[in-house]
Amino acid sequence: MNIVEHQIAFGQKLKNIRNSLNLTQQEFCDKVNIEVSNLSKWENGKGYPSVPTLLKIAEQLKIEPNELLNVKYYDKTLIKDLLINEIEKLSEQELLLALKVLKLMNEELKKN
């Protein structure tokens, strides 16, 4: 599954869950504190929310973020694309912090 197919699948899943809760886009956006234009974009397979927004959405839907993202369909290229997409949104200070976190994670993984 490439990134475009994944974005479409993510959007459809988000929309299906929202509809199963009988919420309009506006009602859902009010609950999660996001713009309708953003939700519409995601539901139409044109991108992803930021990680903090994804976490808010998952919390509101009372599901795990992985369930929304269908992590089981990820491949290495898709993960890299998603990371690059998030990295491009970061400030210089946030980039340095992210790098530190990744290095610490890598060190911990090597121990195990």
PDB file of N, CA and C in Angstrom:
ATOM      1  N   MET A   1       0.860  -1.175   0.000  1.00  0.00           N
ATOM      2  CA  MET A   1       0.000   0.000   0.000  1.00  0.00           C
ATOM      3  C   MET A   1       0.902   1.233   0.000  1.00  0.00           C
ATOM      4  N   ASN A   2       0.727   2.101  -0.979  1.00  0.00           N
ATOM      5  CA  ASN A   2       1.534   3.325  -1.016  1.00  0.00           C
ATOM      6  C   ASN A   2       0.886   4.404  -0.153  1.00  0.00           C
ATOM      7  N   ILE A   3       1.553   5.537  -0.041  1.00  0.00           N
ATOM      8  CA  ILE A   3       1.074   6.572   0.886  1.00  0.00           C
ATOM      9  C   ILE A   3      -0.283   7.141   0.471  1.00  0.00           C
ATOM     10  N   VAL A   4      -0.520   7.296  -0.826  1.00  0.00           N
ATOM     11  CA  VAL A   4      -1.814   7.832  -1.279  1.00  0.00           C
ATOM     12  C   VAL A   4      -2.928   6.851  -0.919  1.00  0.00           C
ATOM     13  N   GLU A   5      -2.696   5.571  -1.154  1.00  0.00           N
ATOM     14  CA  GLU A   5      -3.697   4.557  -0.801  1.00  0.00           C
ATOM     15  C   GLU A   5      -3.918   4.538   0.710  1.00  0.00           C
ATOM     16  N   HIS A   6      -2.845   4.725   1.459  1.00  0.00           N
ATOM     17  CA  HIS A   6      -2.969   4.737   2.911  1.00  0.00           C
ATOM     18  C   HIS A   6      -3.757   5.955   3.379  1.00  0.00           C
ATOM     19  N   GLN A   7      -3.515   7.107   2.772  1.00  0.00           N
ATOM     20  CA  GLN A   7      -4.258   8.317   3.137  1.00  0.00           C
ATOM     21  C   GLN A   7      -5.747   8.122   2.866  1.00  0.00           C
ATOM     22  N   ILE A   8      -6.072   7.497   1.742  1.00  0.00           N
ATOM     23  CA  ILE A   8      -7.470   7.244   1.397  1.00  0.00           C
ATOM     24  C   ILE A   8      -8.095   6.289   2.405  1.00  0.00           C
ATOM     25  N   ALA A   9      -7.362   5.209   2.746  1.00  0.00           N
ATOM     26  CA  ALA A   9      -7.872   4.239   3.719  1.00  0.00           C
ATOM     27  C   ALA A   9      -8.059   4.886   5.092  1.00  0.00           C
ATOM     28  N   PHE A  10      -7.089   5.723   5.495  1.00  0.00           N
ATOM     29  CA  PHE A  10      -7.190   6.426   6.767  1.00  0.00           C
ATOM     30  C   PHE A  10      -8.434   7.314   6.772  1.00  0.00           C
ATOM     31  N   GLY A  11      -8.607   8.093   5.714  1.00  0.00           N
ATOM     32  CA  GLY A  11      -9.745   9.001   5.621  1.00  0.00           C
ATOM     33  C   GLY A  11     -11.069   8.282   5.665  1.00  0.00           C
ATOM     34  N   GLN A  12     -11.150   7.168   4.965  1.00  0.00           N
ATOM     35  CA  GLN A  12     -12.396   6.392   4.941  1.00  0.00           C
ATOM     36  C   GLN A  12     -12.686   5.811   6.320  1.00  0.00           C
ATOM     37  N   LYS A  13     -11.650   5.331   6.981  1.00  0.00           N
ATOM     38  CA  LYS A  13     -11.846   4.772   8.324  1.00  0.00           C
ATOM     39  C   LYS A  13     -12.308   5.860   9.291  1.00  0.00           C
ATOM     40  N   LEU A  14     -11.667   7.022   9.235  1.00  0.00           N
ATOM     41  CA  LEU A  14     -12.054   8.144  10.095  1.00  0.00           C
ATOM     42  C   LEU A  14     -13.513   8.519   9.853  1.00  0.00           C
ATOM     43  N   LYS A  15     -13.887   8.617   8.594  1.00  0.00           N
ATOM     44  CA  LYS A  15     -15.264   8.981   8.235  1.00  0.00           C
ATOM     45  C   LYS A  15     -16.254   7.915   8.705  1.00  0.00           C
ATOM     46  N   ASN A  16     -15.905   6.651   8.508  1.00  0.00           N
ATOM     47  CA  ASN A  16     -16.800   5.568   8.938  1.00  0.00           C
ATOM     48  C   ASN A  16     -17.013   5.579  10.446  1.00  0.00           C
ATOM     49  N   ILE A  17     -15.943   5.808  11.191  1.00  0.00           N
ATOM     50  CA  ILE A  17     -16.066   5.850  12.649  1.00  0.00           C
ATOM     51  C   ILE A  17     -16.918   7.044  13.062  1.00  0.00           C
ATOM     52  N   ARG A  18     -16.662   8.195  12.453  1.00  0.00           N
ATOM     53  CA  ARG A  18     -17.444   9.398  12.776  1.00  0.00           C
ATOM     54  C   ARG A  18     -18.921   9.163  12.482  1.00  0.00           C
ATOM     55  N   ASN A  19     -19.204   8.572  11.307  1.00  0.00           N
ATOM     56  CA  ASN A  19     -20.594   8.300  10.939  1.00  0.00           C
ATOM     57  C   ASN A  19     -21.244   7.281  11.871  1.00  0.00           C
ATOM     58  N   SER A  20     -20.469   6.295  12.320  1.00  0.00           N
ATOM     59  CA  SER A  20     -21.030   5.280  13.230  1.00  0.00           C
ATOM     60  C   SER A  20     -21.427   5.903  14.569  1.00  0.00           C
ATOM     61  N   LEU A  21     -20.820   7.033  14.902  1.00  0.00           N
ATOM     62  CA  LEU A  21     -21.168   7.759  16.126  1.00  0.00           C
ATOM     63  C   LEU A  21     -22.278   8.781  15.883  1.00  0.00           C
ATOM     64  N   ASN A  22     -22.778   8.800  14.638  1.00  0.00           N
ATOM     65  CA  ASN A  22     -23.849   9.732  14.255  1.00  0.00           C
ATOM     66  C   ASN A  22     -23.468  11.188  14.500  1.00  0.00           C
ATOM     67  N   LEU A  23     -22.212  11.512  14.164  1.00  0.00           N
ATOM     68  CA  LEU A  23     -21.741  12.889  14.316  1.00  0.00           C
ATOM     69  C   LEU A  23     -21.548  13.523  12.946  1.00  0.00           C
ATOM     70  N   THR A  24     -21.990  14.753  12.808  1.00  0.00           N
ATOM     71  CA  THR A  24     -21.675  15.502  11.599  1.00  0.00           C
ATOM     72  C   THR A  24     -20.211  15.910  11.669  1.00  0.00           C
ATOM     73  N   GLN A  25     -19.690  16.384  10.558  1.00  0.00           N
ATOM     74  CA  GLN A  25     -18.313  16.870  10.590  1.00  0.00           C
ATOM     75  C   GLN A  25     -18.169  17.999  11.600  1.00  0.00           C
ATOM     76  N   GLN A  26     -19.131  18.910  11.614  1.00  0.00           N
ATOM     77  CA  GLN A  26     -19.059  20.050  12.536  1.00  0.00           C
ATOM     78  C   GLN A  26     -19.093  19.592  13.991  1.00  0.00           C
ATOM     79  N   GLU A  27     -19.985  18.661  14.316  1.00  0.00           N
ATOM     80  CA  GLU A  27     -20.077  18.166  15.688  1.00  0.00           C
ATOM     81  C   GLU A  27     -18.759  17.499  16.116  1.00  0.00           C
ATOM     82  N   PHE A  28     -18.215  16.700  15.215  1.00  0.00           N
ATOM     83  CA  PHE A  28     -16.961  16.023  15.523  1.00  0.00           C
ATOM     84  C   PHE A  28     -15.846  17.041  15.726  1.00  0.00           C
ATOM     85  N   CYS A  29     -15.771  18.021  14.835  1.00  0.00           N
ATOM     86  CA  CYS A  29     -14.725  19.043  14.926  1.00  0.00           C
ATOM     87  C   CYS A  29     -14.842  19.857  16.207  1.00  0.00           C
ATOM     88  N   ASP A  30     -16.057  20.138  16.618  1.00  0.00           N
ATOM     89  CA  ASP A  30     -16.257  20.859  17.875  1.00  0.00           C
ATOM     90  C   ASP A  30     -15.726  20.053  19.060  1.00  0.00           C
ATOM     91  N   LYS A  31     -15.941  18.741  19.044  1.00  0.00           N
ATOM     92  CA  LYS A  31     -15.472  17.878  20.129  1.00  0.00           C
ATOM     93  C   LYS A  31     -13.947  17.803  20.188  1.00  0.00           C
ATOM     94  N   VAL A  32     -13.314  17.788  19.005  1.00  0.00           N
ATOM     95  CA  VAL A  32     -11.864  17.596  18.943  1.00  0.00           C
ATOM     96  C   VAL A  32     -11.118  18.922  18.831  1.00  0.00           C
ATOM     97  N   ASN A  33     -11.873  20.004  18.600  1.00  0.00           N
ATOM     98  CA  ASN A  33     -11.282  21.337  18.460  1.00  0.00           C
ATOM     99  C   ASN A  33     -10.378  21.427  17.225  1.00  0.00           C
ATOM    100  N   ILE A  34     -10.938  21.032  16.081  1.00  0.00           N
ATOM    101  CA  ILE A  34     -10.246  21.138  14.795  1.00  0.00           C
ATOM    102  C   ILE A  34     -11.164  21.819  13.796  1.00  0.00           C
ATOM    103  N   GLU A  35     -10.597  22.240  12.676  1.00  0.00           N
ATOM    104  CA  GLU A  35     -11.360  22.905  11.631  1.00  0.00           C
ATOM    105  C   GLU A  35     -12.044  21.869  10.731  1.00  0.00           C
ATOM    106  N   VAL A  36     -13.261  22.167  10.305  1.00  0.00           N
ATOM    107  CA  VAL A  36     -13.999  21.279   9.400  1.00  0.00           C
ATOM    108  C   VAL A  36     -13.224  21.078   8.105  1.00  0.00           C
ATOM    109  N   SER A  37     -12.562  22.121   7.643  1.00  0.00           N
ATOM    110  CA  SER A  37     -11.797  22.003   6.388  1.00  0.00           C
ATOM    111  C   SER A  37     -10.697  20.956   6.503  1.00  0.00           C
ATOM    112  N   ASN A  38     -10.067  20.873   7.684  1.00  0.00           N
ATOM    113  CA  ASN A  38      -9.026  19.860   7.900  1.00  0.00           C
ATOM    114  C   ASN A  38      -9.629  18.463   7.929  1.00  0.00           C
ATOM    115  N   LEU A  39     -10.718  18.292   8.665  1.00  0.00           N
ATOM    116  CA  LEU A  39     -11.367  16.985   8.731  1.00  0.00           C
ATOM    117  C   LEU A  39     -11.808  16.540   7.338  1.00  0.00           C
ATOM    118  N   SER A  40     -12.388  17.447   6.590  1.00  0.00           N
ATOM    119  CA  SER A  40     -12.826  17.124   5.235  1.00  0.00           C
ATOM    120  C   SER A  40     -11.655  16.668   4.367  1.00  0.00           C
ATOM    121  N   LYS A  41     -10.541  17.368   4.483  1.00  0.00           N
ATOM    122  CA  LYS A  41      -9.337  17.017   3.730  1.00  0.00           C
ATOM    123  C   LYS A  41      -8.889  15.603   4.078  1.00  0.00           C
ATOM    124  N   TRP A  42      -8.821  15.295   5.368  1.00  0.00           N
ATOM    125  CA  TRP A  42      -8.362  13.971   5.796  1.00  0.00           C
ATOM    126  C   TRP A  42      -9.336  12.889   5.356  1.00  0.00           C
ATOM    127  N   GLU A  43     -10.644  13.158   5.518  1.00  0.00           N
ATOM    128  CA  GLU A  43     -11.638  12.158   5.141  1.00  0.00           C
ATOM    129  C   GLU A  43     -11.632  11.897   3.641  1.00  0.00           C
ATOM    130  N   ASN A  44     -11.162  12.851   2.876  1.00  0.00           N
ATOM    131  CA  ASN A  44     -11.076  12.684   1.422  1.00  0.00           C
ATOM    132  C   ASN A  44      -9.713  12.166   0.974  1.00  0.00           C
ATOM    133  N   GLY A  45      -8.917  11.698   1.927  1.00  0.00           N
ATOM    134  CA  GLY A  45      -7.654  11.062   1.586  1.00  0.00           C
ATOM    135  C   GLY A  45      -6.564  12.005   1.143  1.00  0.00           C
ATOM    136  N   LYS A  46      -6.610  13.232   1.645  1.00  0.00           N
ATOM    137  CA  LYS A  46      -5.620  14.232   1.242  1.00  0.00           C
ATOM    138  C   LYS A  46      -4.774  14.666   2.428  1.00  0.00           C
ATOM    139  N   GLY A  47      -4.109  13.692   3.033  1.00  0.00           N
ATOM    140  CA  GLY A  47      -3.213  14.011   4.127  1.00  0.00           C
ATOM    141  C   GLY A  47      -3.629  13.393   5.434  1.00  0.00           C
ATOM    142  N   TYR A  48      -2.860  13.730   6.450  1.00  0.00           N
ATOM    143  CA  TYR A  48      -3.061  13.214   7.799  1.00  0.00           C
ATOM    144  C   TYR A  48      -3.039  14.375   8.781  1.00  0.00           C
ATOM    145  N   PRO A  49      -3.673  14.179   9.934  1.00  0.00           N
ATOM    146  CA  PRO A  49      -3.529  15.181  10.994  1.00  0.00           C
ATOM    147  C   PRO A  49      -2.131  15.092  11.594  1.00  0.00           C
ATOM    148  N   SER A  50      -1.741  16.129  12.298  1.00  0.00           N
ATOM    149  CA  SER A  50      -0.471  16.079  13.034  1.00  0.00           C
ATOM    150  C   SER A  50      -0.595  15.011  14.115  1.00  0.00           C
ATOM    151  N   VAL A  51       0.518  14.597  14.656  1.00  0.00           N
ATOM    152  CA  VAL A  51       0.495  13.564  15.698  1.00  0.00           C
ATOM    153  C   VAL A  51      -0.335  14.009  16.912  1.00  0.00           C
ATOM    154  N   PRO A  52      -0.140  15.231  17.430  1.00  0.00           N
ATOM    155  CA  PRO A  52      -0.974  15.633  18.577  1.00  0.00           C
ATOM    156  C   PRO A  52      -2.475  15.622  18.244  1.00  0.00           C
ATOM    157  N   THR A  53      -2.819  16.028  17.029  1.00  0.00           N
ATOM    158  CA  THR A  53      -4.227  16.025  16.627  1.00  0.00           C
ATOM    159  C   THR A  53      -4.735  14.598  16.478  1.00  0.00           C
ATOM    160  N   LEU A  54      -3.914  13.735  15.905  1.00  0.00           N
ATOM    161  CA  LEU A  54      -4.291  12.326  15.776  1.00  0.00           C
ATOM    162  C   LEU A  54      -4.575  11.728  17.150  1.00  0.00           C
ATOM    163  N   LEU A  55      -3.736  12.072  18.130  1.00  0.00           N
ATOM    164  CA  LEU A  55      -3.943  11.565  19.483  1.00  0.00           C
ATOM    165  C   LEU A  55      -5.244  12.093  20.088  1.00  0.00           C
ATOM    166  N   LYS A  56      -5.553  13.363  19.828  1.00  0.00           N
ATOM    167  CA  LYS A  56      -6.819  13.928  20.320  1.00  0.00           C
ATOM    168  C   LYS A  56      -8.007  13.223  19.668  1.00  0.00           C
ATOM    169  N   ILE A  57      -7.902  12.964  18.361  1.00  0.00           N
ATOM    170  CA  ILE A  57      -8.983  12.291  17.638  1.00  0.00           C
ATOM    171  C   ILE A  57      -9.183  10.883  18.207  1.00  0.00           C
ATOM    172  N   ALA A  58      -8.084  10.152  18.377  1.00  0.00           N
ATOM    173  CA  ALA A  58      -8.175   8.788  18.904  1.00  0.00           C
ATOM    174  C   ALA A  58      -8.780   8.791  20.303  1.00  0.00           C
ATOM    175  N   GLU A  59      -8.357   9.754  21.108  1.00  0.00           N
ATOM    176  CA  GLU A  59      -8.898   9.855  22.469  1.00  0.00           C
ATOM    177  C   GLU A  59     -10.399  10.124  22.426  1.00  0.00           C
ATOM    178  N   GLN A  60     -10.819  11.030  21.555  1.00  0.00           N
ATOM    179  CA  GLN A  60     -12.236  11.364  21.437  1.00  0.00           C
ATOM    180  C   GLN A  60     -13.045  10.156  20.958  1.00  0.00           C
ATOM    181  N   LEU A  61     -12.453   9.383  20.038  1.00  0.00           N
ATOM    182  CA  LEU A  61     -13.138   8.208  19.508  1.00  0.00           C
ATOM    183  C   LEU A  61     -13.012   6.998  20.429  1.00  0.00           C
ATOM    184  N   LYS A  62     -12.190   7.145  21.480  1.00  0.00           N
ATOM    185  CA  LYS A  62     -11.938   6.070  22.436  1.00  0.00           C
ATOM    186  C   LYS A  62     -11.356   4.828  21.756  1.00  0.00           C
ATOM    187  N   ILE A  63     -10.371   5.088  20.878  1.00  0.00           N
ATOM    188  CA  ILE A  63      -9.662   3.998  20.205  1.00  0.00           C
ATOM    189  C   ILE A  63      -8.166   4.290  20.246  1.00  0.00           C
ATOM    190  N   GLU A  64      -7.381   3.298  19.953  1.00  0.00           N
ATOM    191  CA  GLU A  64      -5.939   3.475  19.882  1.00  0.00           C
ATOM    192  C   GLU A  64      -5.590   4.166  18.562  1.00  0.00           C
ATOM    193  N   PRO A  65      -4.587   5.064  18.566  1.00  0.00           N
ATOM    194  CA  PRO A  65      -4.179   5.715  17.318  1.00  0.00           C
ATOM    195  C   PRO A  65      -3.819   4.709  16.227  1.00  0.00           C
ATOM    196  N   ASN A  66      -3.200   3.594  16.611  1.00  0.00           N
ATOM    197  CA  ASN A  66      -2.835   2.573  15.631  1.00  0.00           C
ATOM    198  C   ASN A  66      -4.048   2.020  14.904  1.00  0.00           C
ATOM    199  N   GLU A  67      -5.172   1.963  15.602  1.00  0.00           N
ATOM    200  CA  GLU A  67      -6.391   1.467  14.965  1.00  0.00           C
ATOM    201  C   GLU A  67      -6.823   2.397  13.834  1.00  0.00           C
ATOM    202  N   LEU A  68      -6.679   3.686  14.054  1.00  0.00           N
ATOM    203  CA  LEU A  68      -7.005   4.658  13.001  1.00  0.00           C
ATOM    204  C   LEU A  68      -6.041   4.562  11.834  1.00  0.00           C
ATOM    205  N   LEU A  69      -4.790   4.334  12.149  1.00  0.00           N
ATOM    206  CA  LEU A  69      -3.758   4.348  11.114  1.00  0.00           C
ATOM    207  C   LEU A  69      -3.568   3.009  10.410  1.00  0.00           C
ATOM    208  N   ASN A  70      -4.207   1.956  10.896  1.00  0.00           N
ATOM    209  CA  ASN A  70      -4.009   0.635  10.296  1.00  0.00           C
ATOM    210  C   ASN A  70      -2.533   0.305  10.182  1.00  0.00           C
ATOM    211  N   VAL A  71      -1.817   0.374  11.288  1.00  0.00           N
ATOM    212  CA  VAL A  71      -0.373   0.201  11.291  1.00  0.00           C
ATOM    213  C   VAL A  71       0.045  -1.096  10.619  1.00  0.00           C
ATOM    214  N   LYS A  72      -0.782  -2.110  10.663  1.00  0.00           N
ATOM    215  CA  LYS A  72      -0.405  -3.384  10.064  1.00  0.00           C
ATOM    216  C   LYS A  72      -0.129  -3.276   8.572  1.00  0.00           C
ATOM    217  N   TYR A  73      -0.573  -2.204   7.936  1.00  0.00           N
ATOM    218  CA  TYR A  73      -0.337  -2.017   6.509  1.00  0.00           C
ATOM    219  C   TYR A  73       0.918  -1.208   6.201  1.00  0.00           C
ATOM    220  N   TYR A  74       1.603  -0.742   7.232  1.00  0.00           N
ATOM    221  CA  TYR A  74       2.787   0.078   7.007  1.00  0.00           C
ATOM    222  C   TYR A  74       3.901  -0.734   6.368  1.00  0.00           C
ATOM    223  N   ASP A  75       4.638  -0.100   5.532  1.00  0.00           N
ATOM    224  CA  ASP A  75       5.894  -0.664   5.061  1.00  0.00           C
ATOM    225  C   ASP A  75       6.962   0.392   5.318  1.00  0.00           C
ATOM    226  N   LYS A  76       8.206   0.038   5.121  1.00  0.00           N
ATOM    227  CA  LYS A  76       9.308   0.930   5.479  1.00  0.00           C
ATOM    228  C   LYS A  76       9.223   2.268   4.734  1.00  0.00           C
ATOM    229  N   THR A  77       8.878   2.235   3.462  1.00  0.00           N
ATOM    230  CA  THR A  77       8.782   3.471   2.670  1.00  0.00           C
ATOM    231  C   THR A  77       7.685   4.373   3.211  1.00  0.00           C
ATOM    232  N   LEU A  78       6.547   3.796   3.544  1.00  0.00           N
ATOM    233  CA  LEU A  78       5.442   4.589   4.067  1.00  0.00           C
ATOM    234  C   LEU A  78       5.818   5.227   5.394  1.00  0.00           C
ATOM    235  N   ILE A  79       6.467   4.471   6.252  1.00  0.00           N
ATOM    236  CA  ILE A  79       6.883   5.017   7.548  1.00  0.00           C
ATOM    237  C   ILE A  79       7.840   6.188   7.347  1.00  0.00           C
ATOM    238  N   LYS A  80       8.791   6.031   6.429  1.00  0.00           N
ATOM    239  CA  LYS A  80       9.721   7.132   6.148  1.00  0.00           C
ATOM    240  C   LYS A  80       8.963   8.357   5.641  1.00  0.00           C
ATOM    241  N   ASP A  81       8.008   8.147   4.738  1.00  0.00           N
ATOM    242  CA  ASP A  81       7.223   9.265   4.205  1.00  0.00           C
ATOM    243  C   ASP A  81       6.455   9.976   5.308  1.00  0.00           C
ATOM    244  N   LEU A  82       5.861   9.195   6.213  1.00  0.00           N
ATOM    245  CA  LEU A  82       5.107   9.788   7.322  1.00  0.00           C
ATOM    246  C   LEU A  82       6.029  10.577   8.248  1.00  0.00           C
ATOM    247  N   LEU A  83       7.204  10.021   8.529  1.00  0.00           N
ATOM    248  CA  LEU A  83       8.165  10.725   9.375  1.00  0.00           C
ATOM    249  C   LEU A  83       8.629  12.024   8.723  1.00  0.00           C
ATOM    250  N   ILE A  84       8.941  11.975   7.458  1.00  0.00           N
ATOM    251  CA  ILE A  84       9.377  13.181   6.740  1.00  0.00           C
ATOM    252  C   ILE A  84       8.288  14.236   6.786  1.00  0.00           C
ATOM    253  N   ASN A  85       7.047  13.818   6.577  1.00  0.00           N
ATOM    254  CA  ASN A  85       5.910  14.741   6.619  1.00  0.00           C
ATOM    255  C   ASN A  85       5.830  15.440   7.973  1.00  0.00           C
ATOM    256  N   GLU A  86       6.015  14.689   9.053  1.00  0.00           N
ATOM    257  CA  GLU A  86       5.971  15.284  10.386  1.00  0.00           C
ATOM    258  C   GLU A  86       7.192  16.153  10.658  1.00  0.00           C
ATOM    259  N   ILE A  87       8.365  15.702  10.226  1.00  0.00           N
ATOM    260  CA  ILE A  87       9.612  16.443  10.451  1.00  0.00           C
ATOM    261  C   ILE A  87       9.563  17.815   9.791  1.00  0.00           C
ATOM    262  N   GLU A  88       8.971  17.879   8.622  1.00  0.00           N
ATOM    263  CA  GLU A  88       8.902  19.154   7.896  1.00  0.00           C
ATOM    264  C   GLU A  88       8.079  20.199   8.630  1.00  0.00           C
ATOM    265  N   LYS A  89       7.252  19.785   9.566  1.00  0.00           N
ATOM    266  CA  LYS A  89       6.405  20.709  10.323  1.00  0.00           C
ATOM    267  C   LYS A  89       7.098  21.250  11.572  1.00  0.00           C
ATOM    268  N   LEU A  90       8.255  20.688  11.925  1.00  0.00           N
ATOM    269  CA  LEU A  90       8.905  21.034  13.186  1.00  0.00           C
ATOM    270  C   LEU A  90       9.791  22.273  13.081  1.00  0.00           C
ATOM    271  N   SER A  91       9.865  22.989  14.182  1.00  0.00           N
ATOM    272  CA  SER A  91      10.808  24.106  14.287  1.00  0.00           C
ATOM    273  C   SER A  91      12.203  23.524  14.496  1.00  0.00           C
ATOM    274  N   GLU A  92      13.222  24.376  14.433  1.00  0.00           N
ATOM    275  CA  GLU A  92      14.591  23.908  14.625  1.00  0.00           C
ATOM    276  C   GLU A  92      14.765  23.296  16.025  1.00  0.00           C
ATOM    277  N   GLN A  93      14.215  23.931  17.029  1.00  0.00           N
ATOM    278  CA  GLN A  93      14.322  23.421  18.396  1.00  0.00           C
ATOM    279  C   GLN A  93      13.608  22.073  18.517  1.00  0.00           C
ATOM    280  N   GLU A  94      12.430  21.948  17.910  1.00  0.00           N
ATOM    281  CA  GLU A  94      11.700  20.677  17.949  1.00  0.00           C
ATOM    282  C   GLU A  94      12.454  19.578  17.199  1.00  0.00           C
ATOM    283  N   LEU A  95      13.127  19.948  16.111  1.00  0.00           N
ATOM    284  CA  LEU A  95      13.933  18.976  15.364  1.00  0.00           C
ATOM    285  C   LEU A  95      15.053  18.409  16.231  1.00  0.00           C
ATOM    286  N   LEU A  96      15.727  19.289  16.968  1.00  0.00           N
ATOM    287  CA  LEU A  96      16.806  18.835  17.850  1.00  0.00           C
ATOM    288  C   LEU A  96      16.279  17.898  18.934  1.00  0.00           C
ATOM    289  N   LEU A  97      15.134  18.228  19.490  1.00  0.00           N
ATOM    290  CA  LEU A  97      14.530  17.376  20.507  1.00  0.00           C
ATOM    291  C   LEU A  97      14.133  16.028  19.903  1.00  0.00           C
ATOM    292  N   ALA A  98      13.546  16.045  18.721  1.00  0.00           N
ATOM    293  CA  ALA A  98      13.150  14.804  18.047  1.00  0.00           C
ATOM    294  C   ALA A  98      14.371  13.922  17.778  1.00  0.00           C
ATOM    295  N   LEU A  99      15.455  14.540  17.376  1.00  0.00           N
ATOM    296  CA  LEU A  99      16.684  13.788  17.113  1.00  0.00           C
ATOM    297  C   LEU A  99      17.183  13.124  18.392  1.00  0.00           C
ATOM    298  N   LYS A 100      17.149  13.854  19.498  1.00  0.00           N
ATOM    299  CA  LYS A 100      17.568  13.288  20.780  1.00  0.00           C
ATOM    300  C   LYS A 100      16.690  12.091  21.164  1.00  0.00           C
ATOM    301  N   VAL A 101      15.396  12.246  20.974  1.00  0.00           N
ATOM    302  CA  VAL A 101      14.460  11.159  21.307  1.00  0.00           C
ATOM    303  C   VAL A 101      14.751   9.930  20.450  1.00  0.00           C
ATOM    304  N   LEU A 102      14.950  10.123  19.162  1.00  0.00           N
ATOM    305  CA  LEU A 102      15.251   8.998  18.275  1.00  0.00           C
ATOM    306  C   LEU A 102      16.554   8.306  18.666  1.00  0.00           C
ATOM    307  N   LYS A 103      17.553   9.084  19.019  1.00  0.00           N
ATOM    308  CA  LYS A 103      18.827   8.490  19.434  1.00  0.00           C
ATOM    309  C   LYS A 103      18.656   7.677  20.710  1.00  0.00           C
ATOM    310  N   LEU A 104      17.902   8.207  21.667  1.00  0.00           N
ATOM    311  CA  LEU A 104      17.642   7.470  22.905  1.00  0.00           C
ATOM    312  C   LEU A 104      16.867   6.185  22.639  1.00  0.00           C
ATOM    313  N   MET A 105      15.882   6.252  21.769  1.00  0.00           N
ATOM    314  CA  MET A 105      15.116   5.054  21.421  1.00  0.00           C
ATOM    315  C   MET A 105      16.017   4.006  20.780  1.00  0.00           C
ATOM    316  N   ASN A 106      16.867   4.451  19.884  1.00  0.00           N
ATOM    317  CA  ASN A 106      17.775   3.544  19.201  1.00  0.00           C
ATOM    318  C   ASN A 106      18.721   2.871  20.202  1.00  0.00           C
ATOM    319  N   GLU A 107      19.235   3.642  21.137  1.00  0.00           N
ATOM    320  CA  GLU A 107      20.120   3.081  22.163  1.00  0.00           C
ATOM    321  C   GLU A 107      19.396   2.033  23.004  1.00  0.00           C
ATOM    322  N   GLU A 108      18.144   2.319  23.372  1.00  0.00           N
ATOM    323  CA  GLU A 108      17.368   1.373  24.170  1.00  0.00           C
ATOM    324  C   GLU A 108      17.080   0.095  23.381  1.00  0.00           C
ATOM    325  N   LEU A 109      16.774   0.237  22.125  1.00  0.00           N
ATOM    326  CA  LEU A 109      16.505  -0.927  21.287  1.00  0.00           C
ATOM    327  C   LEU A 109      17.728  -1.808  21.137  1.00  0.00           C
ATOM    328  N   LYS A 110      18.893  -1.202  21.059  1.00  0.00           N
ATOM    329  CA  LYS A 110      20.130  -1.973  20.937  1.00  0.00           C
ATOM    330  C   LYS A 110      20.414  -2.781  22.196  1.00  0.00           C
ATOM    331  N   LYS A 111      19.960  -2.283  23.353  1.00  0.00           N
ATOM    332  CA  LYS A 111      20.169  -2.989  24.618  1.00  0.00           C
ATOM    333  C   LYS A 111      19.352  -4.270  24.678  1.00  0.00           C
ATOM    334  N   ASN A 112      18.202  -4.248  24.027  1.00  0.00           N
ATOM    335  CA  ASN A 112      17.281  -5.396  24.095  1.00  0.00           C
ATOM    336  C   ASN A 112      17.595  -6.371  23.059  1.00  0.00           C
TER     337      ASN A 112
END
